[in-house]
Amino acid sequence: MIENVNDNSPFEESPRAYRDKTFIDSVEARPLRLLSEYIYPQTQFRREKIHDTIVFFGSARTFEASSMGRYYKDARHLAQRMTRWSDALGTAKRRFVVASGGGPGIMEAANRGAAEAGGKTIGLNIGLPFEQRPNPFITPELNFEFHYFFMRKFWFAYLAKALVVFPGGFGTLDELTEILTLTQTQKLHKQIVILLYGTSFWNEIINFDALIKYGMISEGDLNLFSFADDVDTAFQILTDGLTKLYLTPDAESVDTVG
């Protein structure tokens, strides 16, 4: 015989699935976590009317007072100038917003310069056990922390119309070659202005001539990027390239994202 229990005591409600932290952190819920790292940034970018970005890559270990400090200063000044130039376009959408990996070093310099120019600036951070903490110059509503590297890379590539790569280590090399590969293989349905800052550094770190010599890349692949060694030259290359590709009457045909 089954007793009819009616002691008027409330049942303890089970948490809804999306509020159950154990479930959300489980292997089975990984697709939900991945999706959130796509949808949340997308929502914020739309809310802030971010149309596209200029991405700055470079070492987290390059500080203003270090032996490589000139690169910090140059990244800061270049980000300032690009932000003022972008804001002067006077469009309803925010064009060519400075974005970085959100951490210290060159990333901080880029966000700092953009913030000092009065612009919005993006930090696409990644949770790491060392080095990577959000710098204080990121616009709060555009400060993101990713768990998955590939989702972070997606947002670097998806909105970028220009890429400025300062000297850096493994992370910078990884990000640079990722974008170069996507551009070379035409997996991006747009053109990106790619600028390597510090000619002697990059020619020492990557032997582009040897890659051609051994048939690993074609000579024409060197046209995918340019070099600069000072802020004035970098500014001219970036503004000329972005104007030609995205601010002329015929630019609509290439202003798409794959």
C-alpha atoms as a PDB file:
ATOM      1  CA  MET A   1       0.000   0.000   0.000  1.00  0.00           C
ATOM      2  CA  ILE A   2       1.325   3.436  -0.994  1.00  0.00           C
ATOM      3  CA  GLU A   3       0.777   6.158   1.524  1.00  0.00           C
ATOM      4  CA  ASN A   4      -0.487   9.522   0.388  1.00  0.00           C
ATOM      5  CA  VAL A   5       2.006  11.893   1.895  1.00  0.00           C
ATOM      6  CA  ASN A   6       0.626  15.403   2.254  1.00  0.00           C
ATOM      7  CA  ASP A   7       2.506  17.218   4.940  1.00  0.00           C
ATOM      8  CA  ASN A   8       2.413  20.568   3.079  1.00  0.00           C
ATOM      9  CA  SER A   9       6.230  20.673   3.039  1.00  0.00           C
ATOM     10  CA  PRO A  10       7.593  22.215  -0.171  1.00  0.00           C
ATOM     11  CA  PHE A  11       9.559  20.009  -2.505  1.00  0.00           C
ATOM     12  CA  GLU A  12      13.197  20.988  -2.978  1.00  0.00           C
ATOM     13  CA  GLU A  13      13.387  22.119  -6.586  1.00  0.00           C
ATOM     14  CA  SER A  14      16.113  20.703  -8.774  1.00  0.00           C
ATOM     15  CA  PRO A  15      18.142  23.456 -10.426  1.00  0.00           C
ATOM     16  CA  ARG A  16      17.368  24.206 -14.039  1.00  0.00           C
ATOM     17  CA  ALA A  17      19.981  22.727 -16.344  1.00  0.00           C
ATOM     18  CA  TYR A  18      21.405  26.075 -17.390  1.00  0.00           C
ATOM     19  CA  ARG A  19      21.866  27.015 -13.719  1.00  0.00           C
ATOM     20  CA  ASP A  20      23.482  23.730 -12.737  1.00  0.00           C
ATOM     21  CA  LYS A  21      27.200  24.564 -12.576  1.00  0.00           C
ATOM     22  CA  THR A  22      28.184  20.903 -12.343  1.00  0.00           C
ATOM     23  CA  PHE A  23      26.349  20.195 -15.577  1.00  0.00           C
ATOM     24  CA  ILE A  24      27.578  23.349 -17.356  1.00  0.00           C
ATOM     25  CA  ASP A  25      31.180  22.435 -16.480  1.00  0.00           C
ATOM     26  CA  SER A  26      30.775  18.828 -17.609  1.00  0.00           C
ATOM     27  CA  VAL A  27      32.153  17.199 -20.752  1.00  0.00           C
ATOM     28  CA  GLU A  28      28.614  16.729 -22.049  1.00  0.00           C
ATOM     29  CA  ALA A  29      27.935  20.479 -21.904  1.00  0.00           C
ATOM     30  CA  ARG A  30      31.082  21.488 -23.783  1.00  0.00           C
ATOM     31  CA  PRO A  31      29.043  22.465 -26.906  1.00  0.00           C
ATOM     32  CA  LEU A  32      27.102  24.947 -24.752  1.00  0.00           C
ATOM     33  CA  ARG A  33      30.317  26.504 -23.453  1.00  0.00           C
ATOM     34  CA  LEU A  34      31.673  26.782 -26.971  1.00  0.00           C
ATOM     35  CA  LEU A  35      28.464  28.367 -28.194  1.00  0.00           C
ATOM     36  CA  SER A  36      28.524  30.895 -25.363  1.00  0.00           C
ATOM     37  CA  GLU A  37      32.021  32.013 -26.420  1.00  0.00           C
ATOM     38  CA  TYR A  38      30.542  32.774 -29.836  1.00  0.00           C
ATOM     39  CA  ILE A  39      27.190  34.302 -28.875  1.00  0.00           C
ATOM     40  CA  TYR A  40      28.276  36.498 -25.959  1.00  0.00           C
ATOM     41  CA  PRO A  41      30.990  38.452 -27.839  1.00  0.00           C
ATOM     42  CA  GLN A  42      28.695  38.720 -30.866  1.00  0.00           C
ATOM     43  CA  THR A  43      25.978  40.251 -28.681  1.00  0.00           C
ATOM     44  CA  GLN A  44      28.367  42.773 -27.174  1.00  0.00           C
ATOM     45  CA  PHE A  45      29.863  43.768 -30.524  1.00  0.00           C
ATOM     46  CA  ARG A  46      26.402  44.384 -31.973  1.00  0.00           C
ATOM     47  CA  ARG A  47      25.349  46.370 -28.930  1.00  0.00           C
ATOM     48  CA  GLU A  48      28.461  48.551 -29.187  1.00  0.00           C
ATOM     49  CA  LYS A  49      28.078  48.857 -33.001  1.00  0.00           C
ATOM     50  CA  ILE A  50      31.519  47.351 -33.627  1.00  0.00           C
ATOM     51  CA  HIS A  51      31.753  46.782 -37.373  1.00  0.00           C
ATOM     52  CA  ASP A  52      35.384  45.703 -37.695  1.00  0.00           C
ATOM     53  CA  THR A  53      38.767  45.832 -35.989  1.00  0.00           C
ATOM     54  CA  ILE A  54      42.492  46.487 -36.259  1.00  0.00           C
ATOM     55  CA  VAL A  55      44.184  43.693 -34.346  1.00  0.00           C
ATOM     56  CA  PHE A  56      47.507  44.232 -32.583  1.00  0.00           C
ATOM     57  CA  PHE A  57      49.620  41.162 -31.808  1.00  0.00           C
ATOM     58  CA  GLY A  58      52.898  41.139 -29.910  1.00  0.00           C
ATOM     59  CA  SER A  59      54.738  39.904 -26.849  1.00  0.00           C
ATOM     60  CA  ALA A  60      53.225  40.009 -23.373  1.00  0.00           C
ATOM     61  CA  ARG A  61      56.814  40.454 -22.130  1.00  0.00           C
ATOM     62  CA  THR A  62      57.535  43.748 -23.886  1.00  0.00           C
ATOM     63  CA  PHE A  63      57.187  46.444 -21.248  1.00  0.00           C
ATOM     64  CA  GLU A  64      57.689  50.172 -21.552  1.00  0.00           C
ATOM     65  CA  ALA A  65      60.890  50.114 -19.495  1.00  0.00           C
ATOM     66  CA  SER A  66      62.329  46.921 -21.012  1.00  0.00           C
ATOM     67  CA  SER A  67      65.111  46.583 -23.597  1.00  0.00           C
ATOM     68  CA  MET A  68      62.377  46.212 -26.245  1.00  0.00           C
ATOM     69  CA  GLY A  69      60.461  49.154 -24.805  1.00  0.00           C
ATOM     70  CA  ARG A  70      60.478  51.152 -28.019  1.00  0.00           C
ATOM     71  CA  TYR A  71      58.039  48.638 -29.457  1.00  0.00           C
ATOM     72  CA  TYR A  72      55.678  49.249 -26.535  1.00  0.00           C
ATOM     73  CA  LYS A  73      55.841  52.993 -27.159  1.00  0.00           C
ATOM     74  CA  ASP A  74      55.364  52.580 -30.906  1.00  0.00           C
ATOM     75  CA  ALA A  75      52.371  50.275 -30.443  1.00  0.00           C
ATOM     76  CA  ARG A  76      50.801  52.780 -28.061  1.00  0.00           C
ATOM     77  CA  HIS A  77      51.313  55.724 -30.416  1.00  0.00           C
ATOM     78  CA  LEU A  78      50.169  53.799 -33.489  1.00  0.00           C
ATOM     79  CA  ALA A  79      46.980  52.709 -31.715  1.00  0.00           C
ATOM     80  CA  GLN A  80      46.350  56.325 -30.713  1.00  0.00           C
ATOM     81  CA  ARG A  81      46.700  57.555 -34.278  1.00  0.00           C
ATOM     82  CA  MET A  82      44.607  54.777 -35.791  1.00  0.00           C
ATOM     83  CA  THR A  83      41.837  55.399 -33.252  1.00  0.00           C
ATOM     84  CA  ARG A  84      41.755  59.153 -33.953  1.00  0.00           C
ATOM     85  CA  TRP A  85      41.731  58.449 -37.692  1.00  0.00           C
ATOM     86  CA  SER A  86      38.900  55.938 -37.303  1.00  0.00           C
ATOM     87  CA  ASP A  87      36.796  58.214 -35.084  1.00  0.00           C
ATOM     88  CA  ALA A  88      37.196  61.027 -37.619  1.00  0.00           C
ATOM     89  CA  LEU A  89      35.448  58.909 -40.265  1.00  0.00           C
ATOM     90  CA  GLY A  90      32.138  59.882 -38.660  1.00  0.00           C
ATOM     91  CA  THR A  91      30.239  56.686 -39.477  1.00  0.00           C
ATOM     92  CA  ALA A  92      27.273  55.364 -37.507  1.00  0.00           C
ATOM     93  CA  LYS A  93      29.133  52.121 -36.907  1.00  0.00           C
ATOM     94  CA  ARG A  94      32.458  51.952 -35.106  1.00  0.00           C
ATOM     95  CA  ARG A  95      35.039  51.163 -37.753  1.00  0.00           C
ATOM     96  CA  PHE A  96      38.537  49.750 -37.307  1.00  0.00           C
ATOM     97  CA  VAL A  97      38.414  49.488 -33.515  1.00  0.00           C
ATOM     98  CA  VAL A  98      41.738  48.565 -31.928  1.00  0.00           C
ATOM     99  CA  ALA A  99      41.697  45.022 -30.525  1.00  0.00           C
ATOM    100  CA  SER A 100      44.346  43.032 -28.726  1.00  0.00           C
ATOM    101  CA  GLY A 101      44.760  39.824 -26.779  1.00  0.00           C
ATOM    102  CA  GLY A 102      43.895  41.806 -23.673  1.00  0.00           C
ATOM    103  CA  GLY A 103      47.013  41.083 -21.648  1.00  0.00           C
ATOM    104  CA  PRO A 104      50.186  43.027 -20.776  1.00  0.00           C
ATOM    105  CA  GLY A 105      53.080  44.132 -22.979  1.00  0.00           C
ATOM    106  CA  ILE A 106      52.242  45.042 -26.579  1.00  0.00           C
ATOM    107  CA  MET A 107      48.606  44.166 -25.945  1.00  0.00           C
ATOM    108  CA  GLU A 108      48.427  46.686 -23.122  1.00  0.00           C
ATOM    109  CA  ALA A 109      50.192  49.299 -25.242  1.00  0.00           C
ATOM    110  CA  ALA A 110      47.604  48.964 -28.021  1.00  0.00           C
ATOM    111  CA  ASN A 111      44.614  49.170 -25.679  1.00  0.00           C
ATOM    112  CA  ARG A 112      46.256  52.018 -23.797  1.00  0.00           C
ATOM    113  CA  GLY A 113      46.854  54.079 -26.915  1.00  0.00           C
ATOM    114  CA  ALA A 114      43.296  53.582 -28.158  1.00  0.00           C
ATOM    115  CA  ALA A 115      41.843  54.493 -24.757  1.00  0.00           C
ATOM    116  CA  GLU A 116      44.032  57.607 -24.532  1.00  0.00           C
ATOM    117  CA  ALA A 117      42.663  58.679 -27.912  1.00  0.00           C
ATOM    118  CA  GLY A 118      39.141  58.449 -26.476  1.00  0.00           C
ATOM    119  CA  GLY A 119      38.083  55.375 -28.425  1.00  0.00           C
ATOM    120  CA  LYS A 120      36.551  52.048 -27.574  1.00  0.00           C
ATOM    121  CA  THR A 121      39.080  49.221 -27.452  1.00  0.00           C
ATOM    122  CA  ILE A 122      38.698  45.441 -27.305  1.00  0.00           C
ATOM    123  CA  GLY A 123      40.503  42.825 -25.218  1.00  0.00           C
ATOM    124  CA  LEU A 124      40.168  39.176 -26.268  1.00  0.00           C
ATOM    125  CA  ASN A 125      41.774  37.594 -23.249  1.00  0.00           C
ATOM    126  CA  ILE A 126      42.534  33.931 -22.605  1.00  0.00           C
ATOM    127  CA  GLY A 127      42.601  32.179 -19.246  1.00  0.00           C
ATOM    128  CA  LEU A 128      46.219  31.116 -18.611  1.00  0.00           C
ATOM    129  CA  PRO A 129      48.136  30.143 -15.461  1.00  0.00           C
ATOM    130  CA  PHE A 130      50.686  32.919 -16.049  1.00  0.00           C
ATOM    131  CA  GLU A 131      51.192  36.276 -17.787  1.00  0.00           C
ATOM    132  CA  GLN A 132      47.678  36.737 -19.102  1.00  0.00           C
ATOM    133  CA  ARG A 133      45.642  39.110 -16.953  1.00  0.00           C
ATOM    134  CA  PRO A 134      43.349  41.753 -18.451  1.00  0.00           C
ATOM    135  CA  ASN A 135      45.059  45.112 -18.716  1.00  0.00           C
ATOM    136  CA  PRO A 136      43.234  48.136 -17.268  1.00  0.00           C
ATOM    137  CA  PHE A 137      42.822  50.009 -20.570  1.00  0.00           C
ATOM    138  CA  ILE A 138      40.235  47.740 -22.195  1.00  0.00           C
ATOM    139  CA  THR A 139      36.721  49.154 -22.566  1.00  0.00           C
ATOM    140  CA  PRO A 140      34.831  47.257 -19.807  1.00  0.00           C
ATOM    141  CA  GLU A 141      31.951  46.117 -22.015  1.00  0.00           C
ATOM    142  CA  LEU A 142      34.480  44.848 -24.608  1.00  0.00           C
ATOM    143  CA  ASN A 143      36.617  42.876 -22.168  1.00  0.00           C
ATOM    144  CA  PHE A 144      36.283  39.142 -22.879  1.00  0.00           C
ATOM    145  CA  GLU A 145      37.987  36.105 -21.408  1.00  0.00           C
ATOM    146  CA  PHE A 146      38.006  32.894 -23.435  1.00  0.00           C
ATOM    147  CA  HIS A 147      38.642  29.342 -22.323  1.00  0.00           C
ATOM    148  CA  TYR A 148      39.071  27.952 -25.839  1.00  0.00           C
ATOM    149  CA  PHE A 149      41.964  29.246 -27.917  1.00  0.00           C
ATOM    150  CA  PHE A 150      40.206  28.538 -31.210  1.00  0.00           C
ATOM    151  CA  MET A 151      37.155  30.608 -30.258  1.00  0.00           C
ATOM    152  CA  ARG A 152      39.460  33.484 -29.352  1.00  0.00           C
ATOM    153  CA  LYS A 153      41.227  33.084 -32.706  1.00  0.00           C
ATOM    154  CA  PHE A 154      37.858  33.108 -34.447  1.00  0.00           C
ATOM    155  CA  TRP A 155      37.065  36.554 -33.038  1.00  0.00           C
ATOM    156  CA  PHE A 156      40.524  37.842 -33.933  1.00  0.00           C
ATOM    157  CA  ALA A 157      40.012  36.810 -37.562  1.00  0.00           C
ATOM    158  CA  TYR A 158      36.280  37.392 -38.017  1.00  0.00           C
ATOM    159  CA  LEU A 159      36.215  41.148 -37.499  1.00  0.00           C
ATOM    160  CA  ALA A 160      39.779  42.050 -38.470  1.00  0.00           C
ATOM    161  CA  LYS A 161      40.379  44.314 -41.448  1.00  0.00           C
ATOM    162  CA  ALA A 162      43.988  44.991 -40.474  1.00  0.00           C
ATOM    163  CA  LEU A 163      46.614  43.148 -38.462  1.00  0.00           C
ATOM    164  CA  VAL A 164      49.703  44.731 -36.890  1.00  0.00           C
ATOM    165  CA  VAL A 165      52.234  42.225 -35.587  1.00  0.00           C
ATOM    166  CA  PHE A 166      54.943  43.441 -33.234  1.00  0.00           C
ATOM    167  CA  PRO A 167      57.842  41.245 -32.091  1.00  0.00           C
ATOM    168  CA  GLY A 168      56.688  38.337 -29.973  1.00  0.00           C
ATOM    169  CA  GLY A 169      57.162  34.696 -29.048  1.00  0.00           C
ATOM    170  CA  PHE A 170      55.256  31.472 -29.607  1.00  0.00           C
ATOM    171  CA  GLY A 171      51.807  33.017 -29.173  1.00  0.00           C
ATOM    172  CA  THR A 172      52.515  35.847 -31.591  1.00  0.00           C
ATOM    173  CA  LEU A 173      54.011  33.466 -34.149  1.00  0.00           C
ATOM    174  CA  ASP A 174      50.988  31.195 -33.829  1.00  0.00           C
ATOM    175  CA  GLU A 175      48.550  34.050 -34.361  1.00  0.00           C
ATOM    176  CA  LEU A 176      50.525  35.503 -37.271  1.00  0.00           C
ATOM    177  CA  THR A 177      50.858  32.215 -39.158  1.00  0.00           C
ATOM    178  CA  GLU A 178      47.189  31.429 -38.536  1.00  0.00           C
ATOM    179  CA  ILE A 179      46.083  34.641 -40.254  1.00  0.00           C
ATOM    180  CA  LEU A 180      48.671  34.261 -43.033  1.00  0.00           C
ATOM    181  CA  THR A 181      47.439  30.711 -43.692  1.00  0.00           C
ATOM    182  CA  LEU A 182      43.786  31.780 -43.803  1.00  0.00           C
ATOM    183  CA  THR A 183      44.705  34.612 -46.171  1.00  0.00           C
ATOM    184  CA  GLN A 184      46.947  32.496 -48.399  1.00  0.00           C
ATOM    185  CA  THR A 185      44.302  29.769 -48.731  1.00  0.00           C
ATOM    186  CA  GLN A 186      41.529  32.352 -49.237  1.00  0.00           C
ATOM    187  CA  LYS A 187      39.508  31.018 -46.323  1.00  0.00           C
ATOM    188  CA  LEU A 188      38.754  34.617 -45.376  1.00  0.00           C
ATOM    189  CA  HIS A 189      36.259  36.171 -47.777  1.00  0.00           C
ATOM    190  CA  LYS A 190      37.877  39.564 -47.372  1.00  0.00           C
ATOM    191  CA  GLN A 191      41.263  41.191 -47.625  1.00  0.00           C
ATOM    192  CA  ILE A 192      43.302  42.063 -44.554  1.00  0.00           C
ATOM    193  CA  VAL A 193      46.096  44.615 -44.364  1.00  0.00           C
ATOM    194  CA  ILE A 194      48.889  42.678 -42.628  1.00  0.00           C
ATOM    195  CA  LEU A 195      51.812  44.659 -41.255  1.00  0.00           C
ATOM    196  CA  LEU A 196      54.919  43.217 -39.595  1.00  0.00           C
ATOM    197  CA  TYR A 197      56.459  45.824 -37.324  1.00  0.00           C
ATOM    198  CA  GLY A 198      60.232  45.524 -36.918  1.00  0.00           C
ATOM    199  CA  THR A 199      61.818  44.410 -40.194  1.00  0.00           C
ATOM    200  CA  SER A 200      65.117  43.144 -38.780  1.00  0.00           C
ATOM    201  CA  PHE A 201      63.371  41.149 -36.049  1.00  0.00           C
ATOM    202  CA  TRP A 202      60.978  39.424 -38.417  1.00  0.00           C
ATOM    203  CA  ASN A 203      63.589  38.677 -41.081  1.00  0.00           C
ATOM    204  CA  GLU A 204      65.784  37.092 -38.405  1.00  0.00           C
ATOM    205  CA  ILE A 205      62.984  35.095 -36.792  1.00  0.00           C
ATOM    206  CA  ILE A 206      61.350  33.910 -40.036  1.00  0.00           C
ATOM    207  CA  ASN A 207      63.600  33.240 -43.018  1.00  0.00           C
ATOM    208  CA  PHE A 208      61.089  34.075 -45.728  1.00  0.00           C
ATOM    209  CA  ASP A 209      63.719  33.742 -48.480  1.00  0.00           C
ATOM    210  CA  ALA A 210      64.504  30.194 -47.342  1.00  0.00           C
ATOM    211  CA  LEU A 211      60.815  29.285 -47.459  1.00  0.00           C
ATOM    212  CA  ILE A 212      60.767  30.418 -51.088  1.00  0.00           C
ATOM    213  CA  LYS A 213      64.096  28.704 -51.872  1.00  0.00           C
ATOM    214  CA  TYR A 214      62.846  25.325 -50.650  1.00  0.00           C
ATOM    215  CA  GLY A 215      59.486  25.714 -52.356  1.00  0.00           C
ATOM    216  CA  MET A 216      57.472  25.950 -49.136  1.00  0.00           C
ATOM    217  CA  ILE A 217      55.773  29.175 -50.220  1.00  0.00           C
ATOM    218  CA  SER A 218      55.611  31.022 -53.522  1.00  0.00           C
ATOM    219  CA  GLU A 219      57.345  34.334 -54.076  1.00  0.00           C
ATOM    220  CA  GLY A 220      53.961  35.968 -54.483  1.00  0.00           C
ATOM    221  CA  ASP A 221      53.059  35.035 -50.907  1.00  0.00           C
ATOM    222  CA  LEU A 222      55.381  37.789 -49.726  1.00  0.00           C
ATOM    223  CA  ASN A 223      52.809  40.237 -51.093  1.00  0.00           C
ATOM    224  CA  LEU A 224      50.426  39.169 -48.324  1.00  0.00           C
ATOM    225  CA  PHE A 225      52.156  41.483 -45.855  1.00  0.00           C
ATOM    226  CA  SER A 226      54.265  44.620 -45.523  1.00  0.00           C
ATOM    227  CA  PHE A 227      57.007  45.776 -43.157  1.00  0.00           C
ATOM    228  CA  ALA A 228      57.341  48.962 -41.126  1.00  0.00           C
ATOM    229  CA  ASP A 229      59.902  50.267 -38.653  1.00  0.00           C
ATOM    230  CA  ASP A 230      58.321  53.502 -37.480  1.00  0.00           C
ATOM    231  CA  VAL A 231      54.877  54.765 -36.576  1.00  0.00           C
ATOM    232  CA  ASP A 232      54.554  57.172 -39.521  1.00  0.00           C
ATOM    233  CA  THR A 233      55.219  54.435 -42.087  1.00  0.00           C
ATOM    234  CA  ALA A 234      52.916  51.992 -40.326  1.00  0.00           C
ATOM    235  CA  PHE A 235      50.129  54.565 -40.110  1.00  0.00           C
ATOM    236  CA  GLN A 236      50.434  55.338 -43.818  1.00  0.00           C
ATOM    237  CA  ILE A 237      50.365  51.671 -44.855  1.00  0.00           C
ATOM    238  CA  LEU A 238      47.343  50.947 -42.681  1.00  0.00           C
ATOM    239  CA  THR A 239      45.270  53.982 -43.611  1.00  0.00           C
ATOM    240  CA  ASP A 240      46.083  53.667 -47.323  1.00  0.00           C
ATOM    241  CA  GLY A 241      45.205  49.973 -47.316  1.00  0.00           C
ATOM    242  CA  LEU A 242      41.998  50.336 -45.333  1.00  0.00           C
ATOM    243  CA  THR A 243      40.869  53.292 -47.415  1.00  0.00           C
ATOM    244  CA  LYS A 244      41.478  51.442 -50.671  1.00  0.00           C
ATOM    245  CA  LEU A 245      39.832  48.216 -49.531  1.00  0.00           C
ATOM    246  CA  TYR A 246      36.943  49.474 -47.402  1.00  0.00           C
ATOM    247  CA  LEU A 247      36.319  53.195 -47.753  1.00  0.00           C
ATOM    248  CA  THR A 248      36.068  53.691 -51.509  1.00  0.00           C
ATOM    249  CA  PRO A 249      32.841  53.468 -53.556  1.00  0.00           C
ATOM    250  CA  ASP A 250      33.834  50.010 -54.842  1.00  0.00           C
ATOM    251  CA  ALA A 251      34.739  48.671 -51.397  1.00  0.00           C
ATOM    252  CA  GLU A 252      31.388  46.995 -50.699  1.00  0.00           C
ATOM    253  CA  SER A 253      32.365  44.059 -52.902  1.00  0.00           C
ATOM    254  CA  VAL A 254      35.194  43.083 -50.545  1.00  0.00           C
ATOM    255  CA  ASP A 255      33.688  44.195 -47.234  1.00  0.00           C
ATOM    256  CA  THR A 256      32.444  40.706 -46.369  1.00  0.00           C
ATOM    257  CA  VAL A 257      33.352  38.036 -43.862  1.00  0.00           C
ATOM    258  CA  GLY A 258      33.398  34.308 -44.603  1.00  0.00           C
END
